[in-house]
Amino acid sequence: SADIGWAGPLSFFSRTVHASISRAFWC
């Protein structure tokens, strides 16, 4: 498995490789 750090736009990663959000950071 792999992590995509600071992913955006989320729709691209979800559509392309079925990625899902595993954690989120709020600033």
PDB file of all heavy atoms in Angstrom:
ATOM      1  N   SER A   1       0.851  -1.186   0.000  1.00  0.00           N
ATOM      2  CA  SER A   1       0.000   0.000   0.000  1.00  0.00           C
ATOM      3  C   SER A   1       0.887   1.236   0.000  1.00  0.00           C
ATOM      4  O   SER A   1       2.085   1.160   0.267  1.00  0.00           O
ATOM      5  CB  SER A   1      -0.935   0.014   1.209  1.00  0.00           C
ATOM      6  OG  SER A   1      -0.181   0.133   2.399  1.00  0.00           O
ATOM      7  N   ALA A   2       0.267   2.365  -0.305  1.00  0.00           N
ATOM      8  CA  ALA A   2       0.997   3.628  -0.355  1.00  0.00           C
ATOM      9  C   ALA A   2       0.122   4.732   0.215  1.00  0.00           C
ATOM     10  O   ALA A   2      -1.109   4.625   0.220  1.00  0.00           O
ATOM     11  CB  ALA A   2       1.390   3.966  -1.792  1.00  0.00           C
ATOM     12  N   ASP A   3       0.765   5.775   0.692  1.00  0.00           N
ATOM     13  CA  ASP A   3       0.068   6.969   1.167  1.00  0.00           C
ATOM     14  C   ASP A   3       0.356   8.110   0.211  1.00  0.00           C
ATOM     15  O   ASP A   3       1.499   8.299  -0.210  1.00  0.00           O
ATOM     16  CB  ASP A   3       0.547   7.387   2.561  1.00  0.00           C
ATOM     17  CG  ASP A   3       0.069   6.463   3.659  1.00  0.00           C
ATOM     18  OD1 ASP A   3      -0.986   5.821   3.482  1.00  0.00           O
ATOM     19  OD2 ASP A   3       0.738   6.394   4.699  1.00  0.00           O
ATOM     20  N   ILE A   4      -0.678   8.868  -0.099  1.00  0.00           N
ATOM     21  CA  ILE A   4      -0.520  10.061  -0.926  1.00  0.00           C
ATOM     22  C   ILE A   4      -0.576  11.242   0.031  1.00  0.00           C
ATOM     23  O   ILE A   4      -1.629  11.549   0.575  1.00  0.00           O
ATOM     24  CB  ILE A   4      -1.627  10.169  -1.993  1.00  0.00           C
ATOM     25  CG1 ILE A   4      -1.664   8.900  -2.845  1.00  0.00           C
ATOM     26  CG2 ILE A   4      -1.405  11.408  -2.858  1.00  0.00           C
ATOM     27  CD1 ILE A   4      -2.921   8.755  -3.673  1.00  0.00           C
ATOM     28  N   GLY A   5       0.562  11.856   0.248  1.00  0.00           N
ATOM     29  CA  GLY A   5       0.627  12.946   1.205  1.00  0.00           C
ATOM     30  C   GLY A   5       0.060  14.235   0.638  1.00  0.00           C
ATOM     31  O   GLY A   5       0.307  14.565  -0.515  1.00  0.00           O
ATOM     32  N   TRP A   6      -0.704  14.952   1.442  1.00  0.00           N
ATOM     33  CA  TRP A   6      -1.249  16.255   1.072  1.00  0.00           C
ATOM     34  C   TRP A   6      -1.983  16.185  -0.270  1.00  0.00           C
ATOM     35  O   TRP A   6      -1.734  16.966  -1.174  1.00  0.00           O
ATOM     36  CB  TRP A   6      -0.155  17.311   1.042  1.00  0.00           C
ATOM     37  CG  TRP A   6       0.587  17.374   2.328  1.00  0.00           C
ATOM     38  CD1 TRP A   6       1.821  16.829   2.577  1.00  0.00           C
ATOM     39  CD2 TRP A   6       0.166  17.952   3.547  1.00  0.00           C
ATOM     40  NE1 TRP A   6       2.186  17.055   3.882  1.00  0.00           N
ATOM     41  CE2 TRP A   6       1.180  17.758   4.507  1.00  0.00           C
ATOM     42  CE3 TRP A   6      -0.978  18.632   3.939  1.00  0.00           C
ATOM     43  CZ2 TRP A   6       1.089  18.206   5.805  1.00  0.00           C
ATOM     44  CZ3 TRP A   6      -1.065  19.076   5.242  1.00  0.00           C
ATOM     45  CH2 TRP A   6      -0.044  18.869   6.162  1.00  0.00           C
ATOM     46  N   ALA A   7      -2.860  15.206  -0.400  1.00  0.00           N
ATOM     47  CA  ALA A   7      -3.543  14.937  -1.659  1.00  0.00           C
ATOM     48  C   ALA A   7      -4.563  16.013  -2.011  1.00  0.00           C
ATOM     49  O   ALA A   7      -5.317  16.472  -1.174  1.00  0.00           O
ATOM     50  CB  ALA A   7      -4.240  13.589  -1.603  1.00  0.00           C
ATOM     51  N   GLY A   8      -4.565  16.367  -3.245  1.00  0.00           N
ATOM     52  CA  GLY A   8      -5.567  17.281  -3.773  1.00  0.00           C
ATOM     53  C   GLY A   8      -5.331  17.433  -5.266  1.00  0.00           C
ATOM     54  O   GLY A   8      -4.188  17.439  -5.687  1.00  0.00           O
ATOM     55  N   PRO A   9      -6.306  17.476  -6.092  1.00  0.00           N
ATOM     56  CA  PRO A   9      -7.720  17.329  -5.740  1.00  0.00           C
ATOM     57  C   PRO A   9      -8.061  15.874  -5.419  1.00  0.00           C
ATOM     58  O   PRO A   9      -7.624  14.963  -6.114  1.00  0.00           O
ATOM     59  CB  PRO A   9      -8.450  17.815  -6.989  1.00  0.00           C
ATOM     60  CG  PRO A   9      -7.490  17.584  -8.106  1.00  0.00           C
ATOM     61  CD  PRO A   9      -6.110  17.740  -7.513  1.00  0.00           C
ATOM     62  N   LEU A  10      -8.832  15.689  -4.373  1.00  0.00           N
ATOM     63  CA  LEU A  10      -9.171  14.342  -3.915  1.00  0.00           C
ATOM     64  C   LEU A  10      -9.877  13.535  -4.982  1.00  0.00           C
ATOM     65  O   LEU A  10      -9.676  12.329  -5.091  1.00  0.00           O
ATOM     66  CB  LEU A  10     -10.038  14.425  -2.653  1.00  0.00           C
ATOM     67  CG  LEU A  10      -9.364  15.044  -1.429  1.00  0.00           C
ATOM     68  CD1 LEU A  10     -10.360  15.149  -0.287  1.00  0.00           C
ATOM     69  CD2 LEU A  10      -8.150  14.243  -1.019  1.00  0.00           C
ATOM     70  N   SER A  11     -10.713  14.174  -5.789  1.00  0.00           N
ATOM     71  CA  SER A  11     -11.460  13.449  -6.820  1.00  0.00           C
ATOM     72  C   SER A  11     -10.530  12.779  -7.818  1.00  0.00           C
ATOM     73  O   SER A  11     -10.817  11.683  -8.299  1.00  0.00           O
ATOM     74  CB  SER A  11     -12.434  14.384  -7.528  1.00  0.00           C
ATOM     75  OG  SER A  11     -11.729  15.451  -8.152  1.00  0.00           O
ATOM     76  N   PHE A  12      -9.401  13.410  -8.140  1.00  0.00           N
ATOM     77  CA  PHE A  12      -8.446  12.814  -9.085  1.00  0.00           C
ATOM     78  C   PHE A  12      -7.919  11.495  -8.534  1.00  0.00           C
ATOM     79  O   PHE A  12      -7.920  10.474  -9.221  1.00  0.00           O
ATOM     80  CB  PHE A  12      -7.276  13.777  -9.351  1.00  0.00           C
ATOM     81  CG  PHE A  12      -6.102  13.118 -10.014  1.00  0.00           C
ATOM     82  CD1 PHE A  12      -6.123  12.808 -11.360  1.00  0.00           C
ATOM     83  CD2 PHE A  12      -4.969  12.793  -9.284  1.00  0.00           C
ATOM     84  CE1 PHE A  12      -5.048  12.184 -11.980  1.00  0.00           C
ATOM     85  CE2 PHE A  12      -3.885  12.174  -9.890  1.00  0.00           C
ATOM     86  CZ  PHE A  12      -3.929  11.864 -11.240  1.00  0.00           C
ATOM     87  N   PHE A  13      -7.472  11.478  -7.293  1.00  0.00           N
ATOM     88  CA  PHE A  13      -6.888  10.268  -6.709  1.00  0.00           C
ATOM     89  C   PHE A  13      -7.940   9.189  -6.486  1.00  0.00           C
ATOM     90  O   PHE A  13      -7.673   8.015  -6.704  1.00  0.00           O
ATOM     91  CB  PHE A  13      -6.169  10.614  -5.406  1.00  0.00           C
ATOM     92  CG  PHE A  13      -4.960  11.474  -5.629  1.00  0.00           C
ATOM     93  CD1 PHE A  13      -5.008  12.834  -5.398  1.00  0.00           C
ATOM     94  CD2 PHE A  13      -3.781  10.924  -6.102  1.00  0.00           C
ATOM     95  CE1 PHE A  13      -3.908  13.634  -5.618  1.00  0.00           C
ATOM     96  CE2 PHE A  13      -2.664  11.717  -6.330  1.00  0.00           C
ATOM     97  CZ  PHE A  13      -2.722  13.075  -6.088  1.00  0.00           C
ATOM     98  N   SER A  14      -9.130   9.592  -6.094  1.00  0.00           N
ATOM     99  CA  SER A  14     -10.214   8.639  -5.896  1.00  0.00           C
ATOM    100  C   SER A  14     -10.605   7.975  -7.213  1.00  0.00           C
ATOM    101  O   SER A  14     -10.746   6.760  -7.302  1.00  0.00           O
ATOM    102  CB  SER A  14     -11.417   9.348  -5.275  1.00  0.00           C
ATOM    103  OG  SER A  14     -12.498   8.475  -5.174  1.00  0.00           O
ATOM    104  N   ARG A  15     -10.763   8.784  -8.245  1.00  0.00           N
ATOM    105  CA  ARG A  15     -11.164   8.288  -9.564  1.00  0.00           C
ATOM    106  C   ARG A  15     -10.053   7.452 -10.205  1.00  0.00           C
ATOM    107  O   ARG A  15     -10.315   6.414 -10.819  1.00  0.00           O
ATOM    108  CB  ARG A  15     -11.516   9.482 -10.441  1.00  0.00           C
ATOM    109  CG  ARG A  15     -12.005   9.143 -11.835  1.00  0.00           C
ATOM    110  CD  ARG A  15     -12.348  10.399 -12.648  1.00  0.00           C
ATOM    111  NE  ARG A  15     -11.175  11.251 -12.865  1.00  0.00           N
ATOM    112  CZ  ARG A  15     -10.972  12.443 -12.310  1.00  0.00           C
ATOM    113  NH1 ARG A  15     -11.867  12.974 -11.498  1.00  0.00           N
ATOM    114  NH2 ARG A  15      -9.878  13.139 -12.559  1.00  0.00           N
ATOM    115  N   THR A  16      -8.813   7.880 -10.053  1.00  0.00           N
ATOM    116  CA  THR A  16      -7.702   7.259 -10.772  1.00  0.00           C
ATOM    117  C   THR A  16      -7.245   5.946 -10.158  1.00  0.00           C
ATOM    118  O   THR A  16      -7.009   4.977 -10.881  1.00  0.00           O
ATOM    119  CB  THR A  16      -6.519   8.241 -10.847  1.00  0.00           C
ATOM    120  OG1 THR A  16      -6.978   9.454 -11.459  1.00  0.00           O
ATOM    121  CG2 THR A  16      -5.375   7.677 -11.665  1.00  0.00           C
ATOM    122  N   VAL A  17      -7.108   5.911  -8.828  1.00  0.00           N
ATOM    123  CA  VAL A  17      -6.584   4.702  -8.181  1.00  0.00           C
ATOM    124  C   VAL A  17      -7.446   4.253  -7.003  1.00  0.00           C
ATOM    125  O   VAL A  17      -6.994   3.486  -6.151  1.00  0.00           O
ATOM    126  CB  VAL A  17      -5.108   4.882  -7.742  1.00  0.00           C
ATOM    127  CG1 VAL A  17      -4.212   5.030  -8.956  1.00  0.00           C
ATOM    128  CG2 VAL A  17      -4.944   6.059  -6.794  1.00  0.00           C
ATOM    129  N   HIS A  18      -8.686   4.747  -6.948  1.00  0.00           N
ATOM    130  CA  HIS A  18      -9.624   4.375  -5.891  1.00  0.00           C
ATOM    131  C   HIS A  18      -9.062   4.654  -4.503  1.00  0.00           C
ATOM    132  O   HIS A  18      -9.289   3.885  -3.563  1.00  0.00           O
ATOM    133  CB  HIS A  18     -10.054   2.906  -6.032  1.00  0.00           C
ATOM    134  CG  HIS A  18     -10.570   2.580  -7.388  1.00  0.00           C
ATOM    135  ND1 HIS A  18     -11.776   3.057  -7.862  1.00  0.00           N
ATOM    136  CD2 HIS A  18     -10.022   1.875  -8.418  1.00  0.00           C
ATOM    137  CE1 HIS A  18     -11.957   2.634  -9.098  1.00  0.00           C
ATOM    138  NE2 HIS A  18     -10.910   1.919  -9.467  1.00  0.00           N
ATOM    139  N   ALA A  19      -8.326   5.741  -4.371  1.00  0.00           N
ATOM    140  CA  ALA A  19      -7.755   6.130  -3.084  1.00  0.00           C
ATOM    141  C   ALA A  19      -8.862   6.603  -2.145  1.00  0.00           C
ATOM    142  O   ALA A  19      -9.888   7.113  -2.581  1.00  0.00           O
ATOM    143  CB  ALA A  19      -6.733   7.252  -3.290  1.00  0.00           C
ATOM    144  N   SER A  20      -8.628   6.412  -0.873  1.00  0.00           N
ATOM    145  CA  SER A  20      -9.572   6.892   0.136  1.00  0.00           C
ATOM    146  C   SER A  20      -8.798   7.661   1.206  1.00  0.00           C
ATOM    147  O   SER A  20      -7.592   7.489   1.359  1.00  0.00           O
ATOM    148  CB  SER A  20     -10.336   5.727   0.761  1.00  0.00           C
ATOM    149  OG  SER A  20      -9.435   4.841   1.402  1.00  0.00           O
ATOM    150  N   ILE A  21      -9.516   8.484   1.930  1.00  0.00           N
ATOM    151  CA  ILE A  21      -8.893   9.291   2.971  1.00  0.00           C
ATOM    152  C   ILE A  21      -8.663   8.420   4.198  1.00  0.00           C
ATOM    153  O   ILE A  21      -9.593   7.791   4.707  1.00  0.00           O
ATOM    154  CB  ILE A  21      -9.782  10.500   3.325  1.00  0.00           C
ATOM    155  CG1 ILE A  21      -9.935  11.407   2.101  1.00  0.00           C
ATOM    156  CG2 ILE A  21      -9.207  11.262   4.506  1.00  0.00           C
ATOM    157  CD1 ILE A  21     -10.939  12.518   2.281  1.00  0.00           C
ATOM    158  N   SER A  22      -7.422   8.395   4.641  1.00  0.00           N
ATOM    159  CA  SER A  22      -7.113   7.603   5.828  1.00  0.00           C
ATOM    160  C   SER A  22      -6.940   8.492   7.058  1.00  0.00           C
ATOM    161  O   SER A  22      -7.149   8.061   8.164  1.00  0.00           O
ATOM    162  CB  SER A  22      -5.852   6.774   5.607  1.00  0.00           C
ATOM    163  OG  SER A  22      -4.741   7.609   5.388  1.00  0.00           O
ATOM    164  N   ARG A  23      -6.526   9.721   6.861  1.00  0.00           N
ATOM    165  CA  ARG A  23      -6.387  10.670   7.956  1.00  0.00           C
ATOM    166  C   ARG A  23      -6.370  12.068   7.372  1.00  0.00           C
ATOM    167  O   ARG A  23      -6.055  12.263   6.204  1.00  0.00           O
ATOM    168  CB  ARG A  23      -5.131  10.411   8.777  1.00  0.00           C
ATOM    169  CG  ARG A  23      -3.881  10.444   7.948  1.00  0.00           C
ATOM    170  CD  ARG A  23      -2.682   9.995   8.731  1.00  0.00           C
ATOM    171  NE  ARG A  23      -1.638   9.700   7.760  1.00  0.00           N
ATOM    172  CZ  ARG A  23      -0.376   9.618   8.040  1.00  0.00           C
ATOM    173  NH1 ARG A  23       0.024   9.789   9.265  1.00  0.00           N
ATOM    174  NH2 ARG A  23       0.504   9.350   7.121  1.00  0.00           N
ATOM    175  N   ALA A  24      -6.713  13.015   8.191  1.00  0.00           N
ATOM    176  CA  ALA A  24      -6.735  14.402   7.749  1.00  0.00           C
ATOM    177  C   ALA A  24      -6.066  15.269   8.808  1.00  0.00           C
ATOM    178  O   ALA A  24      -6.106  14.953   9.999  1.00  0.00           O
ATOM    179  CB  ALA A  24      -8.176  14.872   7.537  1.00  0.00           C
ATOM    180  N   PHE A  25      -5.438  16.316   8.343  1.00  0.00           N
ATOM    181  CA  PHE A  25      -4.793  17.264   9.227  1.00  0.00           C
ATOM    182  C   PHE A  25      -5.471  18.611   9.046  1.00  0.00           C
ATOM    183  O   PHE A  25      -5.707  19.044   7.934  1.00  0.00           O
ATOM    184  CB  PHE A  25      -3.301  17.404   8.880  1.00  0.00           C
ATOM    185  CG  PHE A  25      -2.536  16.123   9.045  1.00  0.00           C
ATOM    186  CD1 PHE A  25      -2.348  15.265   7.969  1.00  0.00           C
ATOM    187  CD2 PHE A  25      -2.008  15.768  10.276  1.00  0.00           C
ATOM    188  CE1 PHE A  25      -1.650  14.075   8.114  1.00  0.00           C
ATOM    189  CE2 PHE A  25      -1.306  14.585  10.433  1.00  0.00           C
ATOM    190  CZ  PHE A  25      -1.131  13.741   9.354  1.00  0.00           C
ATOM    191  N   TRP A  26      -5.770  19.246  10.129  1.00  0.00           N
ATOM    192  CA  TRP A  26      -6.382  20.563  10.099  1.00  0.00           C
ATOM    193  C   TRP A  26      -5.351  21.562  10.580  1.00  0.00           C
ATOM    194  O   TRP A  26      -4.675  21.348  11.575  1.00  0.00           O
ATOM    195  CB  TRP A  26      -7.623  20.607  10.984  1.00  0.00           C
ATOM    196  CG  TRP A  26      -8.690  19.688  10.495  1.00  0.00           C
ATOM    197  CD1 TRP A  26      -8.924  18.403  10.881  1.00  0.00           C
ATOM    198  CD2 TRP A  26      -9.649  19.978   9.486  1.00  0.00           C
ATOM    199  NE1 TRP A  26      -9.966  17.874  10.174  1.00  0.00           N
ATOM    200  CE2 TRP A  26     -10.441  18.822   9.316  1.00  0.00           C
ATOM    201  CE3 TRP A  26      -9.924  21.096   8.714  1.00  0.00           C
ATOM    202  CZ2 TRP A  26     -11.479  18.765   8.403  1.00  0.00           C
ATOM    203  CZ3 TRP A  26     -10.969  21.024   7.803  1.00  0.00           C
ATOM    204  CH2 TRP A  26     -11.736  19.867   7.662  1.00  0.00           C
ATOM    205  N   CYS A  27      -5.240  22.641   9.871  1.00  0.00           N
ATOM    206  CA  CYS A  27      -4.320  23.714  10.258  1.00  0.00           C
ATOM    207  C   CYS A  27      -5.128  24.840  10.889  1.00  0.00           C
ATOM    208  O   CYS A  27      -6.099  25.308  10.307  1.00  0.00           O
ATOM    209  CB  CYS A  27      -3.555  24.242   9.048  1.00  0.00           C
ATOM    210  SG  CYS A  27      -2.491  23.018   8.302  1.00  0.00           S
TER     211      CYS A  27
END
